[in-house]
Amino acid sequence: MAPHLPLLTAALPHPRLVVRLSRTLQSQPNLLGGLRDGHLWRGKPLAEPVPFTENGLHFAADVLHGHKTGFFFDHRDNRQTVRQLARGKRVLDLFAYAGGFSLYAAAGGATAVTSVDISAPALAEAQANFGRNAHLPEVVACQHTTVAADVFATLTQLQKEGREYDMVVVDPPSFAKSQEEVGRATAAYHKLTRAALTVLAPQGILMMASCSSRISAEQFYATVHEAAEASERPLWEHKRTSHALDHPIRESFPEGSYLKCLFATTID
């Protein structure tokens, strides 16, 4: 890619371009021609996160150092669904990162949102995103709490404390980066589903997502339902969704269909 960047970017009208590199590419500097992750290819230096709006909500992304490009746009439609379902609910957002799902839930009228992520800087950005939307009465009225800790440990602690939530959003990172990790990833999704259900109130809404391209949709949905059955909390599906339309799926690249998302209610 590196030798072709001048040609690829020549026709782009954007006044500022930033190059982000995967960890695999970063480990092969001989291929990069001096490029580094977060390299400012064109434009003035960035002094602060880049502001943007999504479905009328205000965010900012650290495009230089944030995970991937600083925000995950593939879940845009799924965040909007959470917003539509959240009114009057206590919401637990697991693997919350910069609080995308959390903010949408608050904007949708959730009474309380708890954002859990192991990264304290990411949660600080989530708090900042809430502040960027302080003009919305629903966001101001929502009690937002952040927990910087391991998700599994947090779920164990919340269960011990007898906490319950009307909606639990589970959007973990990829559990299978290679074919050899598929079995372990499936076990992780099973464990995570069961753990999330321990703090979900009766007839609560569970949103489970997988961005692991090596886990098929059939495998993922079957695993979630099997975990729910094993927990004696079977699920009634609202819908199954994928990524937004600006992440097209091509026949020549089936791996592009990586995101699976389930909205379901417990039958109890």
Protein backbone atom coordinates (compact mmCIF):
# COMPACT_ATOMS: atom_id res chain seq x y z
CA MET A 1 0.00 0.00 0.00
CA ALA A 2 2.68 2.51 1.04
CA PRO A 3 4.28 3.03 -2.41
CA HIS A 4 0.86 3.68 -3.94
CA LEU A 5 -0.41 6.24 -1.40
CA PRO A 6 0.48 9.28 -3.51
CA LEU A 7 -1.60 7.92 -6.39
CA LEU A 8 -4.45 6.75 -4.15
CA THR A 9 -4.76 10.05 -2.30
CA ALA A 10 -4.09 12.47 -5.18
CA ALA A 11 -7.75 12.76 -6.17
CA LEU A 12 -9.10 12.99 -2.62
CA PRO A 13 -10.38 16.51 -1.85
CA HIS A 14 -9.96 16.27 1.92
CA PRO A 15 -7.71 18.97 3.40
CA ARG A 16 -6.39 16.59 6.06
CA LEU A 17 -5.52 12.89 5.73
CA VAL A 18 -4.29 10.56 8.48
CA VAL A 19 -2.75 7.13 7.88
CA ARG A 20 -3.71 4.41 10.34
CA LEU A 21 -1.92 1.05 10.28
CA SER A 22 -2.87 -2.35 11.65
CA ARG A 23 -0.61 -3.99 14.20
CA THR A 24 0.45 -6.49 11.55
CA LEU A 25 1.62 -3.70 9.25
CA GLN A 26 3.33 -1.86 12.08
CA SER A 27 5.41 -4.99 12.72
CA GLN A 28 6.73 -4.88 9.12
CA PRO A 29 8.43 -1.46 8.80
CA ASN A 30 10.29 -2.61 5.69
CA LEU A 31 6.98 -2.42 3.80
CA LEU A 32 5.99 1.02 5.01
CA GLY A 33 8.54 3.39 3.50
CA GLY A 34 8.82 5.39 6.71
CA LEU A 35 5.08 5.52 7.44
CA ARG A 36 3.97 5.15 11.04
CA ASP A 37 0.59 4.71 12.66
CA GLY A 38 -1.14 8.07 12.98
CA HIS A 39 1.02 9.64 10.27
CA LEU A 40 -0.40 12.97 9.10
CA TRP A 41 -0.24 12.52 5.33
CA ARG A 42 -1.78 15.89 4.48
CA GLY A 43 -2.91 19.01 6.32
CA LYS A 44 -2.32 20.93 9.51
CA PRO A 45 -1.44 19.08 12.75
CA LEU A 46 -4.37 17.93 14.89
CA ALA A 47 -4.48 19.54 18.31
CA GLU A 48 -7.62 17.82 19.56
CA PRO A 49 -10.13 15.06 18.68
CA VAL A 50 -12.14 15.51 15.49
CA PRO A 51 -15.80 16.46 16.15
CA PHE A 52 -18.60 14.82 14.17
CA THR A 53 -22.32 14.11 14.41
CA GLU A 54 -24.14 10.81 14.04
CA ASN A 55 -27.94 10.66 13.93
CA GLY A 56 -28.02 14.12 15.50
CA LEU A 57 -25.70 13.27 18.41
CA HIS A 58 -22.33 14.94 18.91
CA PHE A 59 -19.10 12.96 19.27
CA ALA A 60 -15.37 13.44 18.82
CA ALA A 61 -12.77 10.88 17.73
CA ASP A 62 -9.05 10.71 18.38
CA VAL A 63 -8.14 9.75 14.83
CA LEU A 64 -4.40 9.77 15.57
CA HIS A 65 -4.28 7.42 18.54
CA GLY A 66 -7.78 6.04 19.10
CA HIS A 67 -8.54 2.37 18.50
CA LYS A 68 -8.95 1.70 14.76
CA THR A 69 -9.96 5.18 13.51
CA GLY A 70 -11.18 6.40 16.91
CA PHE A 71 -14.82 5.34 16.48
CA PHE A 72 -16.81 2.39 15.12
CA PHE A 73 -19.27 3.53 12.47
CA ASP A 74 -20.39 0.01 11.53
CA HIS A 75 -22.74 -0.06 14.54
CA ARG A 76 -24.49 3.19 13.62
CA ASP A 77 -27.88 1.58 12.91
CA ASN A 78 -27.61 -0.74 15.91
CA ARG A 79 -26.94 2.23 18.18
CA GLN A 80 -30.08 3.85 16.80
CA THR A 81 -32.06 0.71 17.66
CA VAL A 82 -30.77 0.89 21.24
CA ARG A 83 -31.92 4.50 21.35
CA GLN A 84 -35.41 3.45 20.26
CA LEU A 85 -35.61 0.72 22.93
CA ALA A 86 -34.02 2.50 25.90
CA ARG A 87 -36.74 4.78 27.25
CA GLY A 88 -37.28 4.33 30.99
CA LYS A 89 -34.66 1.57 31.23
CA ARG A 90 -31.55 0.95 33.30
CA VAL A 91 -28.85 0.11 30.75
CA LEU A 92 -25.54 -1.71 31.15
CA ASP A 93 -23.09 -1.10 28.28
CA LEU A 94 -20.26 -3.65 28.26
CA PHE A 95 -17.05 -3.03 26.29
CA ALA A 96 -18.37 0.53 26.05
CA TYR A 97 -15.21 2.11 24.57
CA ALA A 98 -16.06 5.81 23.91
CA GLY A 99 -19.68 5.36 24.99
CA GLY A 100 -21.46 5.21 21.65
CA PHE A 101 -24.19 2.83 22.79
CA SER A 102 -24.27 4.51 26.21
CA LEU A 103 -24.95 7.95 24.79
CA TYR A 104 -27.60 6.66 22.38
CA ALA A 105 -29.36 4.93 25.29
CA ALA A 106 -29.29 8.14 27.32
CA ALA A 107 -30.61 10.16 24.37
CA GLY A 108 -33.39 7.61 24.02
CA GLY A 109 -34.59 8.26 27.56
CA ALA A 110 -32.75 5.66 29.66
CA THR A 111 -32.95 6.55 33.34
CA ALA A 112 -29.45 5.26 34.11
CA VAL A 113 -26.52 3.99 32.03
CA THR A 114 -23.44 2.19 33.30
CA SER A 115 -20.48 2.08 30.86
CA VAL A 116 -17.92 -0.66 31.49
CA ASP A 117 -14.56 -0.85 29.71
CA ILE A 118 -11.05 -1.83 30.77
CA SER A 119 -9.69 1.41 29.27
CA ALA A 120 -9.96 4.44 31.56
CA PRO A 121 -9.01 6.86 28.73
CA ALA A 122 -11.82 5.45 26.56
CA LEU A 123 -14.31 5.99 29.38
CA ALA A 124 -13.02 9.54 29.86
CA GLU A 125 -13.89 10.11 26.21
CA ALA A 126 -17.33 8.59 26.86
CA GLN A 127 -17.87 11.15 29.63
CA ALA A 128 -16.74 13.89 27.26
CA ASN A 129 -19.23 12.68 24.64
CA PHE A 130 -22.00 12.95 27.22
CA GLY A 131 -20.84 16.51 27.88
CA ARG A 132 -20.99 17.31 24.17
CA ASN A 133 -24.71 16.49 24.27
CA ALA A 134 -25.63 18.36 27.45
CA HIS A 135 -28.13 20.40 25.43
CA LEU A 136 -30.39 17.33 25.31
CA PRO A 137 -32.66 17.05 28.36
CA GLU A 138 -32.72 13.24 28.12
CA VAL A 139 -28.92 13.08 28.36
CA VAL A 140 -28.82 15.48 31.31
CA ALA A 141 -31.54 13.51 33.13
CA CYS A 142 -29.76 10.17 32.67
CA GLN A 143 -27.47 9.02 35.48
CA HIS A 144 -24.24 7.99 33.74
CA THR A 145 -21.67 5.88 35.60
CA THR A 146 -18.36 4.56 34.27
CA VAL A 147 -16.49 1.48 35.49
CA ALA A 148 -12.89 1.00 34.32
CA ALA A 149 -12.43 -2.73 34.86
CA ASP A 150 -12.48 -6.17 33.23
CA VAL A 151 -15.98 -6.96 31.97
CA PHE A 152 -16.12 -10.54 33.31
CA ALA A 153 -14.91 -9.45 36.76
CA THR A 154 -17.41 -6.59 36.76
CA LEU A 155 -20.31 -8.88 35.88
CA THR A 156 -19.33 -11.22 38.73
CA GLN A 157 -19.28 -8.28 41.15
CA LEU A 158 -22.59 -6.86 39.90
CA GLN A 159 -24.24 -10.25 40.33
CA LYS A 160 -22.92 -10.52 43.91
CA GLU A 161 -24.38 -7.09 44.63
CA GLY A 162 -27.76 -8.14 43.20
CA ARG A 163 -27.73 -5.47 40.50
CA GLU A 164 -30.24 -5.76 37.65
CA TYR A 165 -30.55 -3.92 34.36
CA ASP A 166 -33.45 -3.67 31.93
CA MET A 167 -31.09 -3.72 28.94
CA VAL A 168 -27.59 -5.15 28.61
CA VAL A 169 -25.50 -4.21 25.56
CA VAL A 170 -22.58 -6.55 24.83
CA ASP A 171 -20.22 -5.48 22.04
CA PRO A 172 -16.87 -7.23 22.63
CA PRO A 173 -13.73 -6.99 20.49
CA SER A 174 -12.93 -9.76 18.06
CA PHE A 175 -12.38 -13.04 19.91
CA ALA A 176 -11.07 -14.92 16.85
CA LYS A 177 -8.23 -13.34 14.89
CA SER A 178 -7.31 -16.66 13.26
CA GLN A 179 -9.11 -19.90 12.37
CA GLU A 180 -7.31 -21.66 15.22
CA GLU A 181 -9.03 -19.37 17.73
CA VAL A 182 -12.62 -20.11 16.63
CA GLY A 183 -13.25 -22.77 19.29
CA ARG A 184 -11.97 -20.55 22.08
CA ALA A 185 -13.95 -17.60 20.73
CA THR A 186 -17.19 -19.59 20.66
CA ALA A 187 -16.61 -20.59 24.28
CA ALA A 188 -16.01 -16.94 25.16
CA TYR A 189 -19.30 -15.85 23.56
CA HIS A 190 -21.09 -18.62 25.47
CA LYS A 191 -19.53 -17.54 28.76
CA LEU A 192 -20.20 -13.86 28.11
CA THR A 193 -23.85 -14.46 27.26
CA ARG A 194 -24.41 -16.44 30.45
CA ALA A 195 -22.63 -13.79 32.51
CA ALA A 196 -24.67 -10.96 30.97
CA LEU A 197 -27.91 -12.79 31.69
CA THR A 198 -27.09 -12.95 35.41
CA VAL A 199 -27.66 -9.20 35.68
CA LEU A 200 -30.49 -8.84 33.14
CA ALA A 201 -33.90 -8.22 34.70
CA PRO A 202 -36.86 -10.48 33.83
CA GLN A 203 -38.10 -9.74 30.31
CA GLY A 204 -35.03 -7.57 29.84
CA ILE A 205 -33.46 -6.79 26.47
CA LEU A 206 -30.13 -8.33 25.52
CA MET A 207 -28.07 -6.98 22.63
CA MET A 208 -25.21 -9.34 21.74
CA ALA A 209 -22.74 -8.53 18.96
CA SER A 210 -19.79 -10.24 17.31
CA CYS A 211 -17.24 -8.61 14.99
CA SER A 212 -15.25 -11.85 14.50
CA SER A 213 -15.34 -12.57 10.76
CA ARG A 214 -14.22 -16.17 11.36
CA ILE A 215 -17.34 -16.85 13.46
CA SER A 216 -20.27 -17.39 11.12
CA ALA A 217 -23.66 -15.87 11.81
CA GLU A 218 -25.08 -19.36 12.33
CA GLN A 219 -22.38 -20.21 14.87
CA PHE A 220 -22.82 -16.96 16.75
CA TYR A 221 -26.60 -16.95 17.04
CA ALA A 222 -26.66 -20.65 17.94
CA THR A 223 -24.07 -20.05 20.66
CA VAL A 224 -26.04 -17.19 22.20
CA HIS A 225 -29.27 -19.21 22.25
CA GLU A 226 -27.50 -22.28 23.66
CA ALA A 227 -26.03 -20.17 26.46
CA ALA A 228 -29.44 -18.67 27.21
CA GLU A 229 -31.05 -22.12 27.32
CA ALA A 230 -28.27 -23.37 29.61
CA SER A 231 -29.00 -20.41 31.89
CA GLU A 232 -32.71 -21.33 31.83
CA ARG A 233 -33.44 -17.91 30.35
CA PRO A 234 -34.47 -18.56 26.74
CA LEU A 235 -34.59 -15.63 24.36
CA TRP A 236 -37.27 -14.26 22.06
CA GLU A 237 -35.63 -12.51 19.11
CA HIS A 238 -36.55 -8.98 18.08
CA LYS A 239 -34.20 -9.00 15.11
CA ARG A 240 -30.80 -9.92 13.74
CA THR A 241 -28.77 -7.15 12.16
CA SER A 242 -25.42 -6.50 10.51
CA HIS A 243 -23.28 -3.45 9.79
CA ALA A 244 -24.53 -0.24 8.25
CA LEU A 245 -24.96 0.13 4.48
CA ASP A 246 -21.69 2.01 4.07
CA HIS A 247 -19.87 -1.26 4.89
CA PRO A 248 -20.81 -3.10 1.67
CA ILE A 249 -20.60 -6.88 1.34
CA ARG A 250 -19.12 -8.16 -1.92
CA GLU A 251 -19.41 -11.70 -3.29
CA SER A 252 -15.66 -11.73 -3.90
CA PHE A 253 -14.98 -10.85 -0.26
CA PRO A 254 -17.40 -12.73 2.01
CA GLU A 255 -15.20 -11.90 5.03
CA GLY A 256 -16.58 -8.39 4.70
CA SER A 257 -19.77 -9.69 6.30
CA TYR A 258 -18.22 -9.76 9.76
CA LEU A 259 -20.68 -8.04 12.10
CA LYS A 260 -23.53 -9.98 13.70
CA CYS A 261 -25.91 -8.39 16.17
CA LEU A 262 -28.87 -9.88 18.03
CA PHE A 263 -31.64 -7.99 19.82
CA ALA A 264 -33.68 -10.31 22.06
CA THR A 265 -35.85 -10.36 25.16
CA THR A 266 -35.68 -12.98 27.88
CA ILE A 267 -38.75 -15.22 28.21
CA ASP A 268 -39.27 -15.19 31.98
